[in-house]
N, C-alpha and C. Protein backbone atom coordinates (compact mmCIF):
# COMPACT_ATOMS: atom_id res chain seq x y z
N UNK A 1 106.08 86.95 112.18
CA UNK A 1 105.13 86.92 111.09
C UNK A 1 105.58 85.86 110.08
N UNK A 2 104.58 85.20 109.47
CA UNK A 2 104.91 84.27 108.40
C UNK A 2 105.08 85.00 107.09
N UNK A 3 105.75 84.31 106.19
CA UNK A 3 106.04 84.95 104.88
C UNK A 3 105.23 84.21 103.81
N UNK A 4 104.96 84.99 102.75
CA UNK A 4 104.31 84.38 101.61
C UNK A 4 105.11 84.75 100.31
N UNK A 5 105.02 83.87 99.35
CA UNK A 5 105.71 84.16 98.07
C UNK A 5 104.60 84.56 97.13
N UNK A 6 104.76 85.69 96.39
CA UNK A 6 103.83 86.10 95.43
C UNK A 6 104.49 86.21 94.04
N UNK A 7 103.81 85.71 93.04
CA UNK A 7 104.34 85.70 91.68
C UNK A 7 103.30 86.30 90.78
N UNK A 8 103.69 87.25 89.91
CA UNK A 8 102.76 87.82 89.01
C UNK A 8 102.71 86.91 87.76
N UNK A 9 101.50 86.44 87.49
CA UNK A 9 101.29 85.46 86.34
C UNK A 9 100.53 86.09 85.17
N UNK A 10 99.85 87.23 85.45
CA UNK A 10 99.12 87.88 84.33
C UNK A 10 99.61 89.31 84.26
N UNK A 11 99.50 89.87 83.00
CA UNK A 11 100.00 91.20 82.75
C UNK A 11 99.05 92.26 83.31
N UNK A 12 99.66 93.40 83.58
CA UNK A 12 98.87 94.55 84.14
C UNK A 12 98.34 95.48 83.00
N UNK A 13 98.67 95.07 81.70
CA UNK A 13 98.17 95.87 80.60
C UNK A 13 96.67 95.81 80.59
N UNK A 14 96.03 96.91 80.25
CA UNK A 14 94.58 97.13 80.21
C UNK A 14 93.87 96.78 81.49
N UNK A 15 94.54 97.08 82.60
CA UNK A 15 93.97 96.93 83.93
C UNK A 15 93.76 98.35 84.49
N UNK A 16 92.87 98.49 85.46
CA UNK A 16 92.69 99.86 86.07
C UNK A 16 93.93 100.31 86.73
N UNK A 17 94.15 101.62 86.76
CA UNK A 17 95.37 102.21 87.33
C UNK A 17 95.61 101.82 88.80
N UNK A 18 94.50 101.64 89.51
CA UNK A 18 94.63 101.26 90.88
C UNK A 18 95.27 99.88 91.06
N UNK A 19 94.96 99.01 90.18
CA UNK A 19 95.55 97.67 90.29
C UNK A 19 97.02 97.70 89.88
N UNK A 20 97.36 98.53 88.91
CA UNK A 20 98.75 98.67 88.53
C UNK A 20 99.58 99.22 89.69
N UNK A 21 99.00 100.19 90.39
CA UNK A 21 99.69 100.76 91.51
C UNK A 21 99.83 99.79 92.71
N UNK A 22 98.89 98.92 92.83
CA UNK A 22 98.95 97.89 93.85
C UNK A 22 100.06 96.89 93.58
N UNK A 23 100.16 96.53 92.27
CA UNK A 23 101.27 95.59 91.93
C UNK A 23 102.65 96.22 92.16
N UNK A 24 102.72 97.55 91.87
CA UNK A 24 103.95 98.27 92.11
C UNK A 24 104.31 98.34 93.57
N UNK A 25 103.30 98.55 94.41
CA UNK A 25 103.45 98.61 95.86
C UNK A 25 103.93 97.27 96.45
N UNK A 26 103.45 96.18 95.80
CA UNK A 26 103.89 94.91 96.23
C UNK A 26 105.34 94.54 95.77
N UNK A 27 105.85 95.39 94.84
CA UNK A 27 107.19 95.18 94.36
C UNK A 27 107.27 94.34 93.10
N UNK A 28 106.13 94.12 92.44
CA UNK A 28 106.09 93.28 91.25
C UNK A 28 105.99 94.24 90.07
N UNK A 29 106.91 94.04 89.10
CA UNK A 29 106.90 94.85 87.91
C UNK A 29 107.10 94.12 86.65
N UNK A 30 107.38 92.77 86.74
CA UNK A 30 107.52 91.97 85.57
C UNK A 30 106.79 90.62 85.81
N UNK A 31 106.46 89.99 84.70
CA UNK A 31 105.77 88.69 84.80
C UNK A 31 106.76 87.63 85.31
N UNK A 32 106.28 86.66 86.05
CA UNK A 32 106.95 85.51 86.53
C UNK A 32 108.17 85.86 87.42
N UNK A 33 108.06 86.97 88.12
CA UNK A 33 109.04 87.35 89.10
C UNK A 33 108.40 87.10 90.48
N UNK A 34 109.15 86.42 91.37
CA UNK A 34 108.61 86.07 92.68
C UNK A 34 109.22 86.97 93.74
N UNK A 35 108.40 87.47 94.69
CA UNK A 35 108.84 88.22 95.78
C UNK A 35 108.34 87.54 97.11
N UNK A 36 109.20 87.54 98.08
CA UNK A 36 108.83 87.02 99.40
C UNK A 36 108.59 88.12 100.31
N UNK A 37 107.37 88.19 100.87
CA UNK A 37 106.94 89.34 101.69
C UNK A 37 106.32 88.78 102.98
N UNK A 38 106.32 89.66 104.01
CA UNK A 38 105.62 89.36 105.29
C UNK A 38 104.15 89.33 105.04
N UNK A 39 103.47 88.47 105.77
CA UNK A 39 101.99 88.31 105.59
C UNK A 39 101.25 89.20 106.56
N UNK A 40 101.44 90.52 106.41
CA UNK A 40 100.70 91.49 107.31
C UNK A 40 99.32 91.72 106.79
N UNK A 41 98.43 92.20 107.60
CA UNK A 41 97.08 92.43 107.08
C UNK A 41 97.04 93.40 105.85
N UNK A 42 97.97 94.38 105.86
CA UNK A 42 98.02 95.34 104.74
C UNK A 42 98.40 94.65 103.44
N UNK A 43 99.44 93.83 103.53
CA UNK A 43 99.89 93.08 102.36
C UNK A 43 98.84 92.07 101.86
N UNK A 44 98.23 91.41 102.80
CA UNK A 44 97.21 90.38 102.43
C UNK A 44 95.96 91.13 101.78
N UNK A 45 95.67 92.31 102.17
CA UNK A 45 94.60 93.06 101.51
C UNK A 45 94.96 93.43 100.07
N UNK A 46 96.23 93.88 99.90
CA UNK A 46 96.69 94.20 98.56
C UNK A 46 96.68 92.97 97.66
N UNK A 47 97.09 91.81 98.20
CA UNK A 47 97.15 90.55 97.41
C UNK A 47 95.72 90.19 97.04
N UNK A 48 94.80 90.35 97.98
CA UNK A 48 93.39 90.04 97.64
C UNK A 48 92.82 90.88 96.50
N UNK A 49 93.20 92.16 96.44
CA UNK A 49 92.67 93.07 95.37
C UNK A 49 93.20 92.66 94.01
N UNK A 50 94.36 92.09 93.88
CA UNK A 50 94.94 91.71 92.58
C UNK A 50 95.14 90.19 92.54
N UNK A 51 94.42 89.41 93.28
CA UNK A 51 94.59 87.96 93.32
C UNK A 51 94.44 87.26 91.93
N UNK A 52 93.64 87.86 91.06
CA UNK A 52 93.41 87.26 89.79
C UNK A 52 94.63 87.36 88.91
N UNK A 53 95.66 88.14 89.30
CA UNK A 53 96.89 88.31 88.52
C UNK A 53 98.08 87.64 89.21
N UNK A 54 97.88 87.00 90.40
CA UNK A 54 98.95 86.52 91.20
C UNK A 54 98.88 85.05 91.48
N UNK A 55 99.98 84.44 91.78
CA UNK A 55 100.04 83.07 92.35
C UNK A 55 100.64 83.25 93.73
N UNK A 56 99.97 82.77 94.77
CA UNK A 56 100.40 82.97 96.15
C UNK A 56 100.71 81.61 96.77
N UNK A 57 101.88 81.52 97.40
CA UNK A 57 102.33 80.34 98.06
C UNK A 57 102.87 80.68 99.49
N UNK A 58 102.88 79.74 100.36
CA UNK A 58 103.46 79.96 101.69
C UNK A 58 104.95 79.73 101.53
N UNK A 59 105.73 80.56 102.22
CA UNK A 59 107.20 80.48 102.11
C UNK A 59 107.73 79.54 103.19
């Protein structure tokens, strides 16, 4: 599987609880922290749901 780097660039304050939980499931809890994750269909679906708060790059 290929990997992607995801970085949270916008705050989760004043967002729906579901989006906050999605960020937590992706392992993101602070701004400008980058995580490298496998690009599985489940992860890509979560990234798509909160894409307006993330920066996504190929690893």
